[in-house]
N, C-alpha and C. Protein backbone atom coordinates (compact mmCIF):
# COMPACT_ATOMS: atom_id res chain seq x y z
N UNK A 1 33.41 -2.26 1.99
CA UNK A 1 32.15 -2.90 2.29
C UNK A 1 31.06 -1.85 2.39
N UNK A 2 29.87 -2.28 2.08
CA UNK A 2 28.75 -1.37 2.10
C UNK A 2 28.19 -1.15 3.50
N UNK A 3 27.45 -0.09 3.61
CA UNK A 3 26.79 0.24 4.87
C UNK A 3 25.30 0.10 4.66
N UNK A 4 24.68 -0.83 5.33
CA UNK A 4 23.25 -1.11 5.14
C UNK A 4 22.36 -0.22 6.00
N UNK A 5 22.94 0.72 6.73
CA UNK A 5 22.13 1.54 7.64
C UNK A 5 21.09 2.39 6.90
N UNK A 6 21.42 2.89 5.71
CA UNK A 6 20.47 3.70 4.95
C UNK A 6 19.30 2.84 4.48
N UNK A 7 19.58 1.63 4.01
CA UNK A 7 18.51 0.72 3.58
C UNK A 7 17.64 0.34 4.77
N UNK A 8 18.27 0.15 5.91
CA UNK A 8 17.49 -0.20 7.11
C UNK A 8 16.58 0.97 7.50
N UNK A 9 17.11 2.17 7.46
CA UNK A 9 16.35 3.35 7.87
C UNK A 9 15.20 3.65 6.90
N UNK A 10 15.49 3.63 5.61
CA UNK A 10 14.49 4.02 4.61
C UNK A 10 13.54 2.88 4.27
N UNK A 11 14.06 1.68 4.11
CA UNK A 11 13.26 0.56 3.62
C UNK A 11 12.90 -0.44 4.71
N UNK A 12 13.41 -0.21 5.91
CA UNK A 12 13.21 -1.16 7.01
C UNK A 12 13.75 -2.55 6.61
N UNK A 13 14.92 -2.55 5.96
CA UNK A 13 15.54 -3.76 5.45
C UNK A 13 16.78 -4.09 6.26
N UNK A 14 16.98 -5.36 6.52
CA UNK A 14 18.19 -5.81 7.19
C UNK A 14 18.79 -6.97 6.39
N UNK A 15 20.11 -7.00 6.28
CA UNK A 15 20.74 -8.11 5.55
C UNK A 15 20.49 -9.43 6.27
N UNK A 16 20.34 -10.48 5.47
CA UNK A 16 20.11 -11.80 6.05
C UNK A 16 21.37 -12.65 6.00
N UNK A 17 22.40 -12.16 5.33
CA UNK A 17 23.64 -12.91 5.18
C UNK A 17 24.81 -12.05 5.66
N UNK A 18 25.83 -12.70 6.15
CA UNK A 18 27.02 -11.99 6.59
C UNK A 18 28.04 -11.93 5.46
N UNK A 19 29.05 -11.12 5.65
CA UNK A 19 30.13 -11.05 4.67
C UNK A 19 30.83 -12.41 4.56
N UNK A 20 30.89 -13.12 5.66
CA UNK A 20 31.53 -14.44 5.65
C UNK A 20 30.72 -15.42 4.79
N UNK A 21 29.39 -15.32 4.84
CA UNK A 21 28.54 -16.15 3.98
C UNK A 21 28.83 -15.86 2.51
N UNK A 22 28.95 -14.59 2.18
CA UNK A 22 29.20 -14.20 0.79
C UNK A 22 30.56 -14.69 0.32
N UNK A 23 31.57 -14.58 1.17
CA UNK A 23 32.91 -15.06 0.81
C UNK A 23 32.89 -16.57 0.62
N UNK A 24 32.21 -17.29 1.51
CA UNK A 24 32.08 -18.75 1.35
C UNK A 24 31.45 -19.10 0.01
N UNK A 25 30.39 -18.40 -0.37
CA UNK A 25 29.73 -18.65 -1.65
C UNK A 25 30.67 -18.41 -2.82
N UNK A 26 31.45 -17.32 -2.74
CA UNK A 26 32.37 -17.01 -3.84
C UNK A 26 33.47 -18.06 -3.96
N UNK A 27 34.00 -18.51 -2.83
CA UNK A 27 35.05 -19.52 -2.86
C UNK A 27 34.50 -20.83 -3.42
N UNK A 28 33.32 -21.23 -2.97
CA UNK A 28 32.70 -22.46 -3.48
C UNK A 28 32.48 -22.38 -4.99
N UNK A 29 32.04 -21.21 -5.46
CA UNK A 29 31.83 -21.02 -6.89
C UNK A 29 33.15 -21.13 -7.66
N UNK A 30 34.20 -20.52 -7.13
CA UNK A 30 35.51 -20.60 -7.79
C UNK A 30 36.00 -22.04 -7.86
N UNK A 31 35.80 -22.80 -6.79
CA UNK A 31 36.22 -24.20 -6.78
C UNK A 31 35.43 -25.00 -7.80
N UNK A 32 34.11 -24.80 -7.85
CA UNK A 32 33.28 -25.52 -8.84
C UNK A 32 33.75 -25.20 -10.25
N UNK A 33 34.03 -23.94 -10.53
CA UNK A 33 34.49 -23.55 -11.86
C UNK A 33 35.85 -24.16 -12.18
N UNK A 34 36.75 -24.19 -11.21
CA UNK A 34 38.07 -24.78 -11.43
C UNK A 34 37.95 -26.27 -11.74
N UNK A 35 37.10 -26.97 -11.01
CA UNK A 35 36.90 -28.41 -11.26
C UNK A 35 36.30 -28.63 -12.64
N UNK A 36 35.31 -27.82 -12.98
CA UNK A 36 34.69 -27.93 -14.31
C UNK A 36 35.72 -27.69 -15.40
N UNK A 37 36.51 -26.64 -15.26
CA UNK A 37 37.54 -26.34 -16.26
C UNK A 37 38.56 -27.46 -16.36
N UNK A 38 38.94 -28.04 -15.22
CA UNK A 38 39.89 -29.15 -15.22
C UNK A 38 39.40 -30.29 -16.10
N UNK A 39 38.15 -30.68 -15.91
CA UNK A 39 37.61 -31.80 -16.68
C UNK A 39 37.42 -31.45 -18.15
N UNK A 40 37.04 -30.21 -18.44
CA UNK A 40 36.90 -29.80 -19.84
C UNK A 40 38.25 -29.81 -20.55
N UNK A 41 39.28 -29.29 -19.88
CA UNK A 41 40.62 -29.28 -20.46
C UNK A 41 41.12 -30.70 -20.65
N UNK A 42 40.85 -31.55 -19.66
CA UNK A 42 41.27 -32.95 -19.74
C UNK A 42 40.66 -33.65 -20.96
N UNK A 43 39.43 -33.23 -21.35
CA UNK A 43 38.76 -33.81 -22.52
C UNK A 43 39.15 -33.11 -23.82
N UNK A 44 40.05 -32.10 -23.75
CA UNK A 44 40.54 -31.45 -24.95
C UNK A 44 39.86 -30.15 -25.31
N UNK A 45 38.97 -29.67 -24.47
CA UNK A 45 38.27 -28.41 -24.76
C UNK A 45 39.20 -27.23 -24.43
N UNK A 46 39.00 -26.14 -25.16
CA UNK A 46 39.75 -24.92 -24.86
C UNK A 46 38.90 -24.08 -23.91
N UNK A 47 39.55 -23.54 -22.92
CA UNK A 47 38.87 -22.76 -21.89
C UNK A 47 39.28 -21.29 -22.04
N UNK A 48 38.30 -20.40 -22.03
CA UNK A 48 38.57 -18.96 -22.03
C UNK A 48 39.02 -18.56 -20.64
N UNK A 49 40.13 -17.86 -20.57
CA UNK A 49 40.68 -17.42 -19.29
C UNK A 49 40.72 -15.90 -19.29
N UNK A 50 40.10 -15.29 -18.29
CA UNK A 50 40.09 -13.83 -18.23
C UNK A 50 41.48 -13.24 -18.08
N UNK A 51 42.42 -14.03 -17.60
CA UNK A 51 43.81 -13.56 -17.47
C UNK A 51 44.46 -13.42 -18.84
N UNK A 52 43.89 -14.05 -19.87
CA UNK A 52 44.45 -13.98 -21.22
C UNK A 52 44.09 -12.68 -21.93
N UNK A 53 43.22 -11.90 -21.36
CA UNK A 53 42.76 -10.67 -22.01
C UNK A 53 43.86 -9.62 -21.96
């Protein structure tokens, strides 16, 4: 994880979100993508999977 102390000192900046907020956003995004892929596959579309690389 990053240390925001340098940004706070130099730029007078403070983070407005917690690490938990960021994790929640990432999980929600993964779920949305999984649902989207499910319906696309169900309709016969081919889905690119990064695991196939």
